[in-house]
N, C-alpha and C. Protein backbone atom coordinates (compact mmCIF):
# COMPACT_ATOMS: atom_id res chain seq x y z
N MET A 1 -17.22 -6.48 15.46
CA MET A 1 -17.46 -5.13 14.99
C MET A 1 -18.93 -4.78 15.13
N GLU A 2 -19.21 -3.63 15.64
CA GLU A 2 -20.59 -3.17 15.77
C GLU A 2 -21.12 -2.89 14.36
N GLN A 3 -22.21 -3.55 13.97
CA GLN A 3 -22.67 -3.51 12.59
C GLN A 3 -23.29 -2.17 12.18
N SER A 4 -23.62 -1.29 13.10
CA SER A 4 -24.20 0.00 12.73
C SER A 4 -23.15 1.00 12.27
N LYS A 5 -21.89 0.77 12.60
CA LYS A 5 -20.82 1.66 12.17
C LYS A 5 -20.46 1.38 10.72
N LYS A 6 -19.91 2.41 10.05
CA LYS A 6 -19.44 2.20 8.68
C LYS A 6 -18.13 1.43 8.72
N GLN A 7 -18.01 0.47 7.84
CA GLN A 7 -16.83 -0.38 7.78
C GLN A 7 -15.96 0.06 6.61
N LYS A 8 -14.69 0.31 6.89
CA LYS A 8 -13.75 0.68 5.84
C LYS A 8 -13.29 -0.58 5.12
N TYR A 9 -13.33 -0.54 3.78
CA TYR A 9 -12.91 -1.71 3.03
C TYR A 9 -11.88 -1.36 1.97
N PHE A 10 -11.08 -2.37 1.64
CA PHE A 10 -10.07 -2.26 0.58
C PHE A 10 -10.45 -3.27 -0.49
N LEU A 11 -10.50 -2.83 -1.74
CA LEU A 11 -10.86 -3.70 -2.86
C LEU A 11 -9.61 -4.09 -3.63
N SER A 12 -9.32 -5.38 -3.66
CA SER A 12 -8.15 -5.91 -4.35
C SER A 12 -8.61 -6.58 -5.64
N TYR A 13 -7.92 -6.28 -6.75
CA TYR A 13 -8.36 -6.84 -8.03
C TYR A 13 -7.26 -6.71 -9.08
N SER A 14 -7.41 -7.48 -10.15
CA SER A 14 -6.50 -7.41 -11.29
C SER A 14 -6.90 -6.22 -12.16
N HIS A 15 -5.95 -5.37 -12.48
CA HIS A 15 -6.23 -4.14 -13.22
C HIS A 15 -6.29 -4.36 -14.73
N GLU A 16 -7.02 -5.37 -15.16
CA GLU A 16 -7.28 -5.59 -16.58
C GLU A 16 -8.48 -4.73 -16.97
N GLU A 17 -8.44 -4.16 -18.16
CA GLU A 17 -9.53 -3.28 -18.62
C GLU A 17 -10.88 -3.99 -18.59
N LYS A 18 -10.89 -5.28 -18.92
CA LYS A 18 -12.15 -6.05 -18.95
C LYS A 18 -12.81 -6.13 -17.57
N ASN A 19 -12.04 -5.97 -16.51
CA ASN A 19 -12.58 -6.07 -15.16
C ASN A 19 -13.22 -4.77 -14.66
N LYS A 20 -12.93 -3.67 -15.34
CA LYS A 20 -13.35 -2.35 -14.86
C LYS A 20 -14.86 -2.25 -14.58
N PRO A 21 -15.75 -2.70 -15.50
CA PRO A 21 -17.19 -2.59 -15.19
C PRO A 21 -17.60 -3.37 -13.95
N LYS A 22 -17.00 -4.53 -13.73
CA LYS A 22 -17.36 -5.34 -12.56
C LYS A 22 -16.83 -4.71 -11.27
N ILE A 23 -15.65 -4.13 -11.34
CA ILE A 23 -15.09 -3.43 -10.17
C ILE A 23 -15.98 -2.25 -9.81
N GLU A 24 -16.36 -1.48 -10.83
CA GLU A 24 -17.24 -0.33 -10.60
C GLU A 24 -18.58 -0.77 -10.01
N LYS A 25 -19.08 -1.91 -10.46
CA LYS A 25 -20.36 -2.43 -9.93
C LYS A 25 -20.22 -2.82 -8.46
N ILE A 26 -19.12 -3.47 -8.10
CA ILE A 26 -18.90 -3.82 -6.69
C ILE A 26 -18.84 -2.55 -5.85
N GLN A 27 -18.10 -1.54 -6.32
CA GLN A 27 -18.01 -0.27 -5.58
C GLN A 27 -19.38 0.40 -5.46
N GLU A 28 -20.16 0.32 -6.52
CA GLU A 28 -21.50 0.92 -6.52
C GLU A 28 -22.41 0.25 -5.49
N VAL A 29 -22.44 -1.09 -5.46
CA VAL A 29 -23.34 -1.77 -4.51
C VAL A 29 -22.86 -1.58 -3.07
N MET A 30 -21.55 -1.48 -2.88
CA MET A 30 -21.04 -1.21 -1.53
C MET A 30 -21.46 0.19 -1.09
N LYS A 31 -21.41 1.15 -2.01
CA LYS A 31 -21.83 2.52 -1.69
C LYS A 31 -23.33 2.57 -1.40
N GLU A 32 -24.12 1.85 -2.22
CA GLU A 32 -25.57 1.81 -2.01
C GLU A 32 -25.92 1.17 -0.67
N TRP A 33 -25.14 0.20 -0.25
CA TRP A 33 -25.38 -0.45 1.05
C TRP A 33 -25.33 0.60 2.16
N GLY A 34 -24.44 1.58 2.01
CA GLY A 34 -24.40 2.71 2.93
C GLY A 34 -23.65 2.49 4.23
N LYS A 35 -23.07 1.32 4.42
CA LYS A 35 -22.37 1.04 5.67
C LYS A 35 -20.89 0.77 5.42
N ALA A 36 -20.37 1.25 4.29
CA ALA A 36 -18.97 0.98 3.96
C ALA A 36 -18.30 2.22 3.38
N ILE A 37 -17.01 2.33 3.64
CA ILE A 37 -16.18 3.42 3.11
C ILE A 37 -15.07 2.77 2.30
N ASN A 38 -14.94 3.17 1.04
CA ASN A 38 -13.95 2.59 0.13
C ASN A 38 -12.57 3.21 0.35
N LEU A 39 -11.59 2.39 0.71
CA LEU A 39 -10.21 2.88 0.88
C LEU A 39 -9.29 2.37 -0.22
N SER A 40 -9.85 1.88 -1.31
CA SER A 40 -9.03 1.35 -2.40
C SER A 40 -8.24 2.46 -3.06
N GLU A 41 -7.21 2.05 -3.80
CA GLU A 41 -6.37 3.04 -4.47
C GLU A 41 -7.20 3.82 -5.47
N ARG A 42 -6.85 5.08 -5.65
CA ARG A 42 -7.64 5.93 -6.53
C ARG A 42 -6.83 6.58 -7.65
N GLU A 43 -5.54 6.64 -7.49
CA GLU A 43 -4.75 7.32 -8.52
C GLU A 43 -3.67 6.39 -9.06
N ASP A 44 -3.22 6.69 -10.27
CA ASP A 44 -2.19 5.89 -10.93
C ASP A 44 -0.84 6.12 -10.25
N LYS A 45 -0.23 5.03 -9.83
CA LYS A 45 1.07 5.12 -9.16
C LYS A 45 2.15 4.36 -9.94
N SER A 46 1.91 4.13 -11.20
CA SER A 46 2.82 3.30 -12.00
C SER A 46 4.22 3.90 -12.13
N LYS A 47 4.37 5.19 -11.91
CA LYS A 47 5.69 5.83 -12.04
C LYS A 47 6.51 5.75 -10.75
N PHE A 48 5.90 5.27 -9.67
CA PHE A 48 6.60 5.17 -8.40
C PHE A 48 7.31 3.83 -8.28
N THR A 49 8.23 3.75 -7.33
CA THR A 49 8.93 2.48 -7.08
C THR A 49 7.97 1.49 -6.42
N ASP A 50 8.30 0.21 -6.53
CA ASP A 50 7.47 -0.82 -5.90
C ASP A 50 7.34 -0.59 -4.40
N GLU A 51 8.43 -0.19 -3.77
CA GLU A 51 8.41 0.03 -2.32
C GLU A 51 7.48 1.18 -1.95
N THR A 52 7.52 2.27 -2.72
CA THR A 52 6.65 3.42 -2.47
C THR A 52 5.18 3.03 -2.64
N ILE A 53 4.90 2.29 -3.72
CA ILE A 53 3.54 1.83 -3.96
C ILE A 53 3.09 0.93 -2.83
N TRP A 54 3.97 -0.01 -2.42
CA TRP A 54 3.59 -0.93 -1.36
C TRP A 54 3.31 -0.21 -0.05
N ASN A 55 4.13 0.78 0.30
CA ASN A 55 3.91 1.54 1.54
C ASN A 55 2.55 2.23 1.52
N TYR A 56 2.19 2.78 0.36
CA TYR A 56 0.89 3.43 0.20
C TYR A 56 -0.24 2.41 0.38
N LEU A 57 -0.13 1.27 -0.30
CA LEU A 57 -1.17 0.24 -0.21
C LEU A 57 -1.28 -0.32 1.20
N HIS A 58 -0.12 -0.52 1.83
CA HIS A 58 -0.13 -1.06 3.19
C HIS A 58 -0.90 -0.15 4.14
N LYS A 59 -0.71 1.16 4.00
CA LYS A 59 -1.44 2.11 4.86
C LYS A 59 -2.95 2.01 4.63
N ARG A 60 -3.34 1.86 3.37
CA ARG A 60 -4.76 1.72 3.03
C ARG A 60 -5.34 0.44 3.63
N ILE A 61 -4.61 -0.66 3.48
CA ILE A 61 -5.08 -1.95 4.01
C ILE A 61 -5.14 -1.89 5.54
N ALA A 62 -4.11 -1.32 6.15
CA ALA A 62 -4.05 -1.23 7.62
C ALA A 62 -5.18 -0.37 8.18
N ASP A 63 -5.65 0.60 7.41
CA ASP A 63 -6.71 1.48 7.87
C ASP A 63 -8.11 0.89 7.65
N SER A 64 -8.17 -0.23 6.94
CA SER A 64 -9.47 -0.86 6.67
C SER A 64 -9.66 -2.06 7.60
N SER A 65 -10.89 -2.56 7.67
CA SER A 65 -11.16 -3.76 8.47
C SER A 65 -11.73 -4.88 7.62
N LEU A 66 -11.93 -4.60 6.33
CA LEU A 66 -12.48 -5.59 5.40
C LEU A 66 -11.72 -5.49 4.09
N THR A 67 -11.32 -6.63 3.55
CA THR A 67 -10.74 -6.68 2.21
C THR A 67 -11.69 -7.48 1.34
N ILE A 68 -12.02 -6.91 0.19
CA ILE A 68 -12.82 -7.62 -0.81
C ILE A 68 -11.89 -7.91 -1.98
N LEU A 69 -11.72 -9.17 -2.29
CA LEU A 69 -10.92 -9.57 -3.45
C LEU A 69 -11.88 -9.93 -4.57
N PHE A 70 -11.74 -9.27 -5.73
CA PHE A 70 -12.49 -9.69 -6.91
C PHE A 70 -11.61 -10.69 -7.64
N TYR A 71 -11.99 -11.96 -7.57
CA TYR A 71 -11.22 -13.04 -8.20
C TYR A 71 -11.75 -13.22 -9.62
N SER A 72 -11.10 -12.52 -10.55
CA SER A 72 -11.55 -12.44 -11.93
C SER A 72 -11.05 -13.60 -12.77
N PHE A 73 -11.65 -13.74 -13.95
CA PHE A 73 -11.28 -14.81 -14.87
C PHE A 73 -9.80 -14.73 -15.24
N ASP A 74 -9.30 -13.53 -15.52
CA ASP A 74 -7.88 -13.39 -15.90
C ASP A 74 -6.96 -13.79 -14.75
N LEU A 75 -7.34 -13.47 -13.53
CA LEU A 75 -6.53 -13.81 -12.36
C LEU A 75 -6.45 -15.33 -12.19
N HIS A 76 -7.51 -16.00 -12.50
CA HIS A 76 -7.56 -17.47 -12.38
C HIS A 76 -6.84 -18.15 -13.55
N SER A 77 -6.95 -17.56 -14.74
CA SER A 77 -6.51 -18.24 -15.95
C SER A 77 -5.12 -17.87 -16.46
N PHE A 78 -4.88 -16.58 -16.71
CA PHE A 78 -3.61 -16.22 -17.35
C PHE A 78 -2.83 -15.12 -16.64
N ASN A 79 -3.30 -14.63 -15.53
CA ASN A 79 -2.55 -13.65 -14.74
C ASN A 79 -2.30 -14.17 -13.33
N ARG A 80 -2.07 -15.47 -13.20
CA ARG A 80 -1.90 -16.10 -11.88
C ARG A 80 -0.73 -15.51 -11.10
N GLU A 81 0.28 -15.01 -11.81
CA GLU A 81 1.46 -14.47 -11.12
C GLU A 81 1.09 -13.29 -10.22
N LYS A 82 -0.03 -12.64 -10.47
CA LYS A 82 -0.47 -11.52 -9.64
C LYS A 82 -0.88 -11.96 -8.23
N ILE A 83 -1.21 -13.24 -8.07
CA ILE A 83 -1.67 -13.72 -6.76
C ILE A 83 -0.78 -14.85 -6.25
N GLU A 84 0.39 -14.99 -6.85
CA GLU A 84 1.36 -15.99 -6.39
C GLU A 84 2.53 -15.28 -5.71
N TYR A 85 3.31 -16.06 -4.98
CA TYR A 85 4.42 -15.47 -4.23
C TYR A 85 5.76 -15.93 -4.79
N VAL A 86 6.77 -15.10 -4.52
CA VAL A 86 8.16 -15.43 -4.81
C VAL A 86 8.78 -15.80 -3.48
N LYS A 87 9.36 -16.98 -3.42
CA LYS A 87 9.92 -17.48 -2.17
C LYS A 87 10.93 -16.49 -1.58
N ASP A 88 10.76 -16.19 -0.31
CA ASP A 88 11.64 -15.30 0.46
C ASP A 88 11.71 -13.87 -0.07
N ASN A 89 10.73 -13.45 -0.86
CA ASN A 89 10.78 -12.09 -1.40
C ASN A 89 9.35 -11.52 -1.51
N PHE A 90 8.91 -10.90 -0.44
CA PHE A 90 7.55 -10.36 -0.38
C PHE A 90 7.30 -9.34 -1.49
N LEU A 91 8.19 -8.35 -1.64
CA LEU A 91 7.96 -7.29 -2.63
C LEU A 91 7.99 -7.79 -4.07
N ALA A 92 8.71 -8.88 -4.34
CA ALA A 92 8.75 -9.43 -5.70
C ALA A 92 7.55 -10.33 -5.98
N SER A 93 6.79 -10.64 -4.95
CA SER A 93 5.59 -11.47 -5.13
C SER A 93 4.52 -10.65 -5.83
N GLY A 94 3.48 -11.32 -6.31
CA GLY A 94 2.40 -10.62 -7.01
C GLY A 94 1.70 -9.61 -6.10
N TRP A 95 1.24 -8.50 -6.69
CA TRP A 95 0.61 -7.44 -5.91
C TRP A 95 -0.61 -7.95 -5.14
N ILE A 96 -1.40 -8.77 -5.79
CA ILE A 96 -2.62 -9.24 -5.12
C ILE A 96 -2.25 -10.21 -4.00
N TYR A 97 -1.24 -11.04 -4.21
CA TYR A 97 -0.75 -11.89 -3.12
C TYR A 97 -0.37 -11.01 -1.93
N ASN A 98 0.38 -9.94 -2.19
CA ASN A 98 0.83 -9.04 -1.12
C ASN A 98 -0.35 -8.40 -0.39
N GLU A 99 -1.37 -7.97 -1.17
CA GLU A 99 -2.54 -7.34 -0.55
C GLU A 99 -3.31 -8.33 0.32
N ILE A 100 -3.46 -9.56 -0.15
CA ILE A 100 -4.17 -10.57 0.64
C ILE A 100 -3.33 -10.98 1.85
N SER A 101 -2.04 -11.14 1.65
CA SER A 101 -1.14 -11.48 2.76
C SER A 101 -1.22 -10.42 3.86
N ALA A 102 -1.16 -9.15 3.46
CA ALA A 102 -1.23 -8.05 4.44
C ALA A 102 -2.60 -8.00 5.11
N SER A 103 -3.63 -8.33 4.39
CA SER A 103 -4.98 -8.34 4.96
C SER A 103 -5.15 -9.44 5.99
N LEU A 104 -4.49 -10.56 5.78
CA LEU A 104 -4.59 -11.71 6.68
C LEU A 104 -3.69 -11.59 7.90
N ARG A 105 -2.72 -10.71 7.82
CA ARG A 105 -1.74 -10.59 8.90
C ARG A 105 -2.29 -9.78 10.07
N ASP A 106 -2.02 -10.24 11.26
CA ASP A 106 -2.42 -9.53 12.48
C ASP A 106 -1.25 -8.63 12.87
N TRP A 107 -1.24 -7.41 12.34
CA TRP A 107 -0.15 -6.47 12.57
C TRP A 107 -0.18 -5.97 14.00
N LYS A 108 0.97 -5.48 14.44
CA LYS A 108 1.07 -4.93 15.80
C LYS A 108 0.10 -3.77 16.00
N ASN A 109 -0.02 -2.91 14.98
CA ASN A 109 -0.86 -1.73 15.12
C ASN A 109 -2.18 -1.85 14.34
N ASN A 110 -2.49 -3.03 13.82
CA ASN A 110 -3.72 -3.21 13.05
C ASN A 110 -4.17 -4.66 13.11
N ARG A 111 -5.40 -4.87 13.47
CA ARG A 111 -5.92 -6.24 13.50
C ARG A 111 -6.14 -6.75 12.08
N ARG A 112 -6.16 -8.03 11.96
CA ARG A 112 -6.39 -8.70 10.68
C ARG A 112 -7.73 -8.27 10.09
N ASN A 113 -7.79 -8.16 8.76
CA ASN A 113 -9.02 -7.80 8.08
C ASN A 113 -9.93 -9.01 7.89
N SER A 114 -11.22 -8.76 7.86
CA SER A 114 -12.16 -9.76 7.37
C SER A 114 -11.94 -9.85 5.86
N LEU A 115 -12.23 -10.99 5.26
CA LEU A 115 -11.93 -11.17 3.84
C LEU A 115 -13.08 -11.84 3.11
N VAL A 116 -13.57 -11.16 2.06
CA VAL A 116 -14.58 -11.71 1.17
C VAL A 116 -13.95 -11.82 -0.21
N CYS A 117 -13.97 -13.01 -0.77
CA CYS A 117 -13.46 -13.25 -2.12
C CYS A 117 -14.66 -13.39 -3.05
N VAL A 118 -14.85 -12.39 -3.91
CA VAL A 118 -15.98 -12.39 -4.84
C VAL A 118 -15.51 -13.05 -6.14
N ILE A 119 -16.11 -14.19 -6.45
CA ILE A 119 -15.71 -14.99 -7.62
C ILE A 119 -16.44 -14.50 -8.86
N ASP A 120 -15.67 -14.18 -9.90
CA ASP A 120 -16.21 -13.74 -11.19
C ASP A 120 -17.29 -14.72 -11.66
N GLU A 121 -18.36 -14.17 -12.23
CA GLU A 121 -19.45 -15.04 -12.69
C GLU A 121 -18.99 -16.02 -13.76
N LYS A 122 -17.93 -15.69 -14.49
CA LYS A 122 -17.39 -16.62 -15.50
C LYS A 122 -16.79 -17.86 -14.86
N LEU A 123 -16.48 -17.79 -13.57
CA LEU A 123 -15.85 -18.91 -12.85
C LEU A 123 -16.80 -19.62 -11.89
N GLU A 124 -17.98 -19.07 -11.71
CA GLU A 124 -18.89 -19.61 -10.70
C GLU A 124 -19.19 -21.09 -10.88
N ASN A 125 -19.52 -21.51 -12.10
CA ASN A 125 -19.84 -22.93 -12.34
C ASN A 125 -18.63 -23.83 -12.13
N MET A 126 -17.45 -23.33 -12.43
CA MET A 126 -16.23 -24.11 -12.30
C MET A 126 -15.79 -24.23 -10.83
N LEU A 127 -15.94 -23.17 -10.05
CA LEU A 127 -15.37 -23.13 -8.71
C LEU A 127 -16.37 -23.37 -7.57
N PHE A 128 -17.65 -23.39 -7.89
CA PHE A 128 -18.65 -23.64 -6.85
C PHE A 128 -19.39 -24.94 -7.11
N ASN A 129 -19.64 -25.68 -6.05
CA ASN A 129 -20.54 -26.82 -6.07
C ASN A 129 -21.72 -26.38 -5.22
N SER A 130 -22.79 -25.94 -5.86
CA SER A 130 -23.90 -25.28 -5.20
C SER A 130 -23.34 -23.99 -4.58
N ASP A 131 -23.31 -23.86 -3.25
CA ASP A 131 -22.74 -22.66 -2.63
C ASP A 131 -21.41 -22.93 -1.96
N LYS A 132 -20.86 -24.12 -2.14
CA LYS A 132 -19.58 -24.49 -1.52
C LYS A 132 -18.45 -24.32 -2.53
N ILE A 133 -17.38 -23.64 -2.11
CA ILE A 133 -16.23 -23.40 -2.98
C ILE A 133 -15.40 -24.67 -3.14
N LYS A 134 -14.92 -24.89 -4.35
CA LYS A 134 -13.98 -25.99 -4.61
C LYS A 134 -12.58 -25.37 -4.54
N THR A 135 -11.81 -25.74 -3.57
CA THR A 135 -10.53 -25.06 -3.32
C THR A 135 -9.36 -25.59 -4.14
N ASN A 136 -9.48 -26.76 -4.74
CA ASN A 136 -8.31 -27.38 -5.39
C ASN A 136 -7.71 -26.55 -6.52
N ASP A 137 -8.49 -25.70 -7.19
CA ASP A 137 -7.95 -24.88 -8.29
C ASP A 137 -7.61 -23.45 -7.88
N LEU A 138 -7.74 -23.15 -6.61
CA LEU A 138 -7.47 -21.78 -6.15
C LEU A 138 -5.98 -21.57 -5.91
N PRO A 139 -5.51 -20.31 -6.00
CA PRO A 139 -4.12 -20.01 -5.62
C PRO A 139 -3.87 -20.40 -4.17
N GLU A 140 -2.63 -20.68 -3.85
CA GLU A 140 -2.29 -21.24 -2.54
C GLU A 140 -2.76 -20.38 -1.37
N ILE A 141 -2.61 -19.06 -1.47
CA ILE A 141 -2.99 -18.21 -0.33
C ILE A 141 -4.49 -18.28 -0.04
N LEU A 142 -5.30 -18.49 -1.06
CA LEU A 142 -6.75 -18.64 -0.86
C LEU A 142 -7.08 -20.06 -0.38
N LYS A 143 -6.42 -21.03 -0.97
CA LYS A 143 -6.66 -22.43 -0.61
C LYS A 143 -6.28 -22.69 0.85
N GLU A 144 -5.12 -22.19 1.27
CA GLU A 144 -4.62 -22.43 2.63
C GLU A 144 -5.45 -21.71 3.71
N ASN A 145 -6.18 -20.68 3.31
CA ASN A 145 -6.96 -19.89 4.27
C ASN A 145 -8.46 -19.96 4.00
N ASN A 146 -8.90 -21.00 3.30
CA ASN A 146 -10.30 -21.06 2.86
C ASN A 146 -11.30 -21.11 4.02
N GLU A 147 -10.90 -21.58 5.18
CA GLU A 147 -11.82 -21.62 6.33
C GLU A 147 -12.04 -20.24 6.92
N TYR A 148 -11.16 -19.31 6.60
CA TYR A 148 -11.21 -17.97 7.15
C TYR A 148 -11.86 -16.97 6.17
N ILE A 149 -11.90 -17.35 4.88
CA ILE A 149 -12.38 -16.46 3.82
C ILE A 149 -13.82 -16.81 3.45
N VAL A 150 -14.63 -15.79 3.22
CA VAL A 150 -15.97 -16.01 2.69
C VAL A 150 -15.88 -15.89 1.17
N PHE A 151 -16.28 -16.95 0.47
CA PHE A 151 -16.28 -16.96 -0.99
C PHE A 151 -17.70 -16.67 -1.45
N ALA A 152 -17.84 -15.62 -2.26
CA ALA A 152 -19.16 -15.17 -2.71
C ALA A 152 -19.22 -15.17 -4.23
N LYS A 153 -20.39 -15.43 -4.76
CA LYS A 153 -20.61 -15.39 -6.20
C LYS A 153 -20.86 -13.95 -6.63
N TYR A 154 -20.13 -13.50 -7.64
CA TYR A 154 -20.29 -12.13 -8.14
C TYR A 154 -21.75 -11.85 -8.51
N SER A 155 -22.38 -12.79 -9.24
CA SER A 155 -23.75 -12.58 -9.72
C SER A 155 -24.72 -12.33 -8.56
N GLU A 156 -24.48 -12.95 -7.42
CA GLU A 156 -25.33 -12.75 -6.24
C GLU A 156 -24.90 -11.51 -5.45
N PHE A 157 -23.60 -11.31 -5.32
CA PHE A 157 -23.05 -10.22 -4.51
C PHE A 157 -23.54 -8.86 -5.00
N VAL A 158 -23.59 -8.68 -6.32
CA VAL A 158 -23.97 -7.36 -6.87
C VAL A 158 -25.47 -7.22 -7.13
N ASN A 159 -26.23 -8.31 -7.05
CA ASN A 159 -27.65 -8.26 -7.37
C ASN A 159 -28.58 -8.58 -6.20
N ASN A 160 -28.02 -9.02 -5.09
CA ASN A 160 -28.84 -9.45 -3.97
C ASN A 160 -28.28 -8.81 -2.70
N ASN A 161 -28.94 -7.77 -2.23
CA ASN A 161 -28.46 -7.02 -1.07
C ASN A 161 -28.31 -7.91 0.16
N TYR A 162 -29.24 -8.84 0.36
CA TYR A 162 -29.16 -9.75 1.51
C TYR A 162 -27.90 -10.61 1.41
N TYR A 163 -27.59 -11.10 0.22
CA TYR A 163 -26.40 -11.93 0.00
C TYR A 163 -25.13 -11.14 0.31
N LEU A 164 -25.07 -9.89 -0.17
CA LEU A 164 -23.92 -9.01 0.08
C LEU A 164 -23.73 -8.82 1.58
N ILE A 165 -24.79 -8.42 2.26
CA ILE A 165 -24.71 -8.15 3.70
C ILE A 165 -24.33 -9.41 4.46
N ASN A 166 -24.95 -10.54 4.12
CA ASN A 166 -24.65 -11.80 4.78
C ASN A 166 -23.19 -12.20 4.58
N SER A 167 -22.66 -11.99 3.38
CA SER A 167 -21.25 -12.32 3.10
C SER A 167 -20.31 -11.50 3.98
N ILE A 168 -20.58 -10.21 4.10
CA ILE A 168 -19.73 -9.33 4.91
C ILE A 168 -19.85 -9.67 6.40
N TYR A 169 -21.07 -9.87 6.88
CA TYR A 169 -21.25 -10.20 8.30
C TYR A 169 -20.60 -11.54 8.64
N LYS A 170 -20.71 -12.50 7.73
CA LYS A 170 -20.08 -13.81 7.96
C LYS A 170 -18.56 -13.65 8.02
N ALA A 171 -17.98 -12.83 7.13
CA ALA A 171 -16.53 -12.59 7.14
C ALA A 171 -16.12 -11.93 8.46
N ASN A 172 -16.92 -10.98 8.93
CA ASN A 172 -16.63 -10.32 10.21
C ASN A 172 -16.68 -11.33 11.36
N PHE A 173 -17.65 -12.24 11.31
CA PHE A 173 -17.77 -13.28 12.34
C PHE A 173 -16.54 -14.20 12.32
N LEU A 174 -16.13 -14.66 11.13
CA LEU A 174 -14.95 -15.53 11.03
C LEU A 174 -13.70 -14.84 11.55
N ASN A 175 -13.57 -13.54 11.24
CA ASN A 175 -12.43 -12.77 11.70
C ASN A 175 -12.43 -12.67 13.23
N ALA A 176 -13.57 -12.35 13.80
CA ALA A 176 -13.67 -12.22 15.27
C ALA A 176 -13.40 -13.56 15.95
N ARG A 177 -13.95 -14.63 15.39
CA ARG A 177 -13.75 -15.96 15.98
C ARG A 177 -12.27 -16.35 15.94
N GLU A 178 -11.62 -16.15 14.80
CA GLU A 178 -10.20 -16.50 14.67
C GLU A 178 -9.37 -15.67 15.63
N HIS A 179 -9.69 -14.37 15.75
CA HIS A 179 -8.92 -13.50 16.63
C HIS A 179 -9.10 -13.91 18.10
N LEU A 180 -10.32 -14.22 18.48
CA LEU A 180 -10.59 -14.60 19.87
C LEU A 180 -9.98 -15.96 20.22
N MET A 181 -10.07 -16.90 19.29
CA MET A 181 -9.58 -18.25 19.57
C MET A 181 -8.06 -18.34 19.45
N LYS A 182 -7.47 -17.39 18.70
CA LYS A 182 -6.02 -17.35 18.52
C LYS A 182 -5.48 -18.73 18.13
N GLU A 183 -6.15 -19.35 17.17
CA GLU A 183 -5.75 -20.69 16.75
C GLU A 183 -4.51 -20.67 15.86
N GLY A 184 -4.23 -19.54 15.28
CA GLY A 184 -3.04 -19.45 14.44
C GLY A 184 -3.14 -20.21 13.14
N LYS A 185 -4.35 -20.39 12.64
CA LYS A 185 -4.54 -21.13 11.40
C LYS A 185 -4.30 -20.27 10.16
N VAL A 186 -4.40 -18.96 10.30
CA VAL A 186 -4.25 -18.07 9.15
C VAL A 186 -2.80 -18.12 8.67
N LYS A 187 -2.63 -18.33 7.38
CA LYS A 187 -1.29 -18.44 6.79
C LYS A 187 -1.07 -17.28 5.83
N TYR A 188 -0.53 -16.20 6.34
CA TYR A 188 -0.31 -15.00 5.53
C TYR A 188 1.09 -14.94 4.94
N ASN A 189 2.02 -15.76 5.43
CA ASN A 189 3.43 -15.63 5.02
C ASN A 189 3.93 -16.85 4.24
N LEU A 190 3.17 -17.28 3.26
CA LEU A 190 3.55 -18.43 2.46
C LEU A 190 4.86 -18.20 1.71
N HIS A 191 5.21 -16.93 1.48
CA HIS A 191 6.42 -16.60 0.74
C HIS A 191 7.70 -16.91 1.53
N LEU A 192 7.60 -17.09 2.84
CA LEU A 192 8.79 -17.38 3.65
C LEU A 192 9.16 -18.85 3.54
N SER A 193 10.47 -19.11 3.48
CA SER A 193 10.96 -20.49 3.39
C SER A 193 10.57 -21.27 4.62
N LYS A 194 10.22 -22.51 4.41
CA LYS A 194 9.95 -23.41 5.54
C LYS A 194 11.28 -23.92 6.06
N LYS A 195 11.47 -23.89 7.38
CA LYS A 195 12.74 -24.32 7.96
C LYS A 195 12.70 -25.78 8.30
């Protein structure tokens, strides 16, 4: 991707009230960076069917080239079902699992998204060894694709412009390398039964 163009991004996160200030901060620093357009959901769709909501989200993800996942404390600790899958049932799987799965998939009409996973500062000491992510406690979709995902510390991502830019550029590089090499290492369909 040519770095001078604005990059469309989709922000995936757990909709717990406690996360709202951190989500707003991520959106604020992305806006201040000036090279990104936010395609995240903006209106309440809780009255719609799951299929209608998913079709809407899929269009947003397909129109973006970067997905930022805010991996919050609740998502790691007591809302794990939001990022886990139901075997053989994509729509019944957690919303965040679906968003990450769709972001990792190389669709016919949309290339795979670059992916930055921003780790909540409450989890930084537990999940990072210096700047290296410890994958053993991560949900399966993140663990299985850890070589393709850039894991960033929230405290650095929102306070250090160089760190933010470097995280995004590195994710774009990993995406381009994977696409060019066509190694097929990305595992977006963990919900499907193994034959």
